[in-house]
Amino acid sequence: MKHTNSSQTNADGLKINPHPEQHPLDGTDREILQLLQEDARISLSEVGRRVHLSQTAVAARVRALEDAGIIIGYHAKVNTYKLGYPIMAIILVKAATIREAEQVSAIAVAIPEILESHRITGDNGIVLKVIASSVARLDQIIHDISAASAPTTCLVLATHFEARPVPTHEAES
């Protein structure tokens, strides 16, 4: 089953899908998703052992989940500190207009240390998750963003958890 996305554009010019297609998941699909989120390198034979299916049956289910757009990638989690990025910050950006939001997005895409960018509600229209090799580099990133809009920076002192697996039980309405 191929995933089709009939996306539309909202008033801000951003692509939205007001009625995303739901792919029916059974308990086995949900178990497979949980296992892959916990360890993307787990072998399909090990997944099969845990969910009581053959490797071939698991591979078919994983392929169907990928085709449906439920599994959208596999990632390695890396230690940013050991890669030379000891500083993490959250930058809140006031983007009062669509033009400012587009400018911030264009700047953010061009800066590899900006790991995430989210459009949010409230006074601050955009939140960015940033890593930096030094205070000087963080200052440069803040300066670059300031060209489009007014940022507020919060240094991350500790991370209690991140990249938590998405719950695979049925979502409550």
Protein backbone atom coordinates (compact mmCIF):
# COMPACT_ATOMS: atom_id res chain seq x y z
CA MET A 1 0.00 0.00 0.00
CA LYS A 2 1.56 3.30 -1.08
CA HIS A 3 1.13 6.37 1.12
CA THR A 4 -0.50 9.30 -0.65
CA ASN A 5 -0.43 12.73 0.85
CA SER A 6 -3.00 15.26 -0.27
CA SER A 7 -1.27 18.21 1.37
CA GLN A 8 -2.70 21.69 1.32
CA THR A 9 -1.27 25.06 2.24
CA ASN A 10 -2.39 27.01 5.30
CA ALA A 11 -2.75 30.79 5.58
CA ASP A 12 0.97 31.08 6.34
CA GLY A 13 1.91 29.25 3.16
CA LEU A 14 3.04 26.13 5.04
CA LYS A 15 2.10 22.68 3.78
CA ILE A 16 -0.44 20.90 5.97
CA ASN A 17 -2.45 17.73 5.70
CA PRO A 18 -5.70 18.21 7.64
CA HIS A 19 -6.76 14.59 7.15
CA PRO A 20 -3.66 12.40 7.19
CA GLU A 21 -4.35 8.87 6.11
CA GLN A 22 -4.45 6.42 8.96
CA HIS A 23 -2.77 3.09 8.36
CA PRO A 24 -4.48 0.37 10.38
CA LEU A 25 -1.98 -1.14 12.81
CA ASP A 26 -2.44 -4.35 14.67
CA GLY A 27 -0.70 -5.29 17.91
CA THR A 28 2.16 -6.97 16.04
CA ASP A 29 2.83 -3.84 13.94
CA ARG A 30 2.89 -1.80 17.13
CA GLU A 31 5.34 -4.22 18.77
CA ILE A 32 7.58 -4.06 15.69
CA LEU A 33 7.51 -0.25 15.75
CA GLN A 34 8.41 -0.22 19.44
CA LEU A 35 11.35 -2.58 18.92
CA LEU A 36 12.69 -0.59 15.95
CA GLN A 37 12.39 2.70 17.84
CA GLU A 38 14.33 1.25 20.77
CA ASP A 39 17.06 -0.16 18.51
CA ALA A 40 17.04 0.60 14.78
CA ARG A 41 19.90 -1.88 14.30
CA ILE A 42 17.95 -4.86 15.64
CA SER A 43 17.92 -7.68 13.11
CA LEU A 44 14.64 -8.64 11.50
CA SER A 45 15.19 -12.20 12.69
CA GLU A 46 15.45 -10.94 16.29
CA VAL A 47 12.29 -8.86 15.81
CA GLY A 48 10.60 -11.97 14.45
CA ARG A 49 11.70 -14.00 17.44
CA ARG A 50 10.23 -11.41 19.82
CA VAL A 51 6.92 -11.00 17.99
CA HIS A 52 6.62 -14.69 17.03
CA LEU A 53 6.85 -14.23 13.24
CA SER A 54 9.28 -15.36 10.58
CA GLN A 55 11.97 -12.98 9.34
CA THR A 56 10.17 -12.85 5.98
CA ALA A 57 6.86 -11.90 7.61
CA VAL A 58 8.58 -9.17 9.67
CA ALA A 59 10.34 -7.83 6.56
CA ALA A 60 6.99 -7.62 4.76
CA ARG A 61 5.41 -5.78 7.68
CA VAL A 62 8.36 -3.35 7.95
CA ARG A 63 8.19 -2.70 4.20
CA ALA A 64 4.44 -2.01 4.49
CA LEU A 65 5.07 0.41 7.39
CA GLU A 66 7.72 2.18 5.30
CA ASP A 67 5.44 2.32 2.24
CA ALA A 68 2.64 3.76 4.40
CA GLY A 69 4.97 6.54 5.60
CA ILE A 70 4.85 5.38 9.22
CA ILE A 71 8.54 4.47 9.31
CA ILE A 72 10.31 7.40 7.68
CA GLY A 73 13.93 6.66 8.49
CA TYR A 74 16.54 4.96 10.63
CA HIS A 75 19.02 7.04 12.60
CA ALA A 76 22.16 6.77 14.66
CA LYS A 77 22.07 8.72 17.91
CA VAL A 78 25.38 10.50 18.43
CA ASN A 79 27.03 12.15 21.42
CA THR A 80 27.29 15.82 20.43
CA TYR A 81 29.75 16.54 23.25
CA LYS A 82 32.21 13.92 21.96
CA LEU A 83 31.87 15.37 18.47
CA GLY A 84 33.04 18.77 19.71
CA TYR A 85 29.69 20.44 20.44
CA PRO A 86 29.55 20.86 24.23
CA ILE A 87 26.94 23.62 24.15
CA MET A 88 23.23 23.09 23.50
CA ALA A 89 20.71 25.88 23.41
CA ILE A 90 17.07 26.49 22.68
CA ILE A 91 16.48 29.66 20.71
CA LEU A 92 13.00 31.18 20.70
CA VAL A 93 12.41 33.49 17.76
CA LYS A 94 9.66 36.07 17.49
CA ALA A 95 8.44 35.83 13.92
CA ALA A 96 5.56 38.28 13.73
CA THR A 97 5.02 37.93 9.99
CA ILE A 98 5.14 35.17 7.42
CA ARG A 99 8.10 36.94 5.83
CA GLU A 100 10.06 36.89 9.12
CA ALA A 101 9.24 33.20 9.60
CA GLU A 102 10.45 32.42 6.08
CA GLN A 103 13.65 34.41 6.67
CA VAL A 104 14.33 32.58 9.94
CA SER A 105 13.69 29.24 8.22
CA ALA A 106 16.07 30.10 5.39
CA ILE A 107 18.79 31.08 7.87
CA ALA A 108 18.16 27.99 10.02
CA VAL A 109 18.43 25.60 7.07
CA ALA A 110 21.83 27.08 6.19
CA ILE A 111 23.31 26.57 9.70
CA PRO A 112 24.21 22.90 10.30
CA GLU A 113 24.35 23.34 14.09
CA ILE A 114 20.60 24.03 14.12
CA LEU A 115 19.31 20.50 14.64
CA GLU A 116 15.58 21.24 14.83
CA SER A 117 13.22 24.02 13.87
CA HIS A 118 9.56 24.10 14.88
CA ARG A 119 6.80 26.63 14.21
CA ILE A 120 4.91 27.12 17.47
CA THR A 121 2.00 29.04 18.94
CA GLY A 122 2.42 31.99 21.30
CA ASP A 123 4.59 35.07 21.25
CA ASN A 124 7.57 33.17 19.91
CA GLY A 125 6.72 31.80 16.49
CA ILE A 126 9.74 29.52 16.07
CA VAL A 127 11.80 27.36 18.41
CA LEU A 128 15.24 26.12 17.39
CA LYS A 129 17.41 23.43 18.97
CA VAL A 130 21.05 24.38 18.49
CA ILE A 131 24.43 22.88 19.31
CA ALA A 132 27.67 24.86 19.28
CA SER A 133 31.37 24.20 19.55
CA SER A 134 31.93 27.34 21.63
CA VAL A 135 30.21 30.37 23.11
CA ALA A 136 31.68 32.40 20.25
CA ARG A 137 30.04 30.09 17.68
CA LEU A 138 26.71 30.24 19.53
CA ASP A 139 27.00 34.03 19.53
CA GLN A 140 27.53 33.96 15.74
CA ILE A 141 24.47 31.75 15.24
CA ILE A 142 22.37 34.10 17.40
CA HIS A 143 23.70 37.05 15.41
CA ASP A 144 22.79 35.36 12.12
CA ILE A 145 19.25 34.68 13.31
CA SER A 146 18.95 38.27 14.57
CA ALA A 147 19.17 39.42 10.96
CA ALA A 148 15.62 38.15 10.47
CA SER A 149 13.98 38.52 13.88
CA ALA A 150 14.53 38.91 17.62
CA PRO A 151 15.78 35.71 19.30
CA THR A 152 15.81 34.73 22.96
CA THR A 153 18.40 32.11 23.85
CA CYS A 154 18.20 29.56 26.66
CA LEU A 155 21.24 27.42 27.43
CA VAL A 156 20.49 23.77 28.15
CA LEU A 157 22.07 22.87 31.49
CA ALA A 158 20.95 19.23 31.59
CA THR A 159 18.92 16.89 29.43
CA HIS A 160 16.66 14.53 31.36
CA PHE A 161 15.57 12.61 28.24
CA GLU A 162 15.34 13.18 24.52
CA ALA A 163 14.21 11.39 21.39
CA ARG A 164 11.78 9.30 23.39
CA PRO A 165 10.11 6.58 21.31
CA VAL A 166 6.66 7.52 20.01
CA PRO A 167 4.00 5.57 21.93
CA THR A 168 2.83 2.70 19.78
CA HIS A 169 -0.39 1.96 21.66
CA GLU A 170 -3.60 3.24 20.11
CA ALA A 171 -3.82 7.01 20.41
CA GLU A 172 -6.62 8.37 22.56
CA SER A 173 -9.17 10.55 20.77
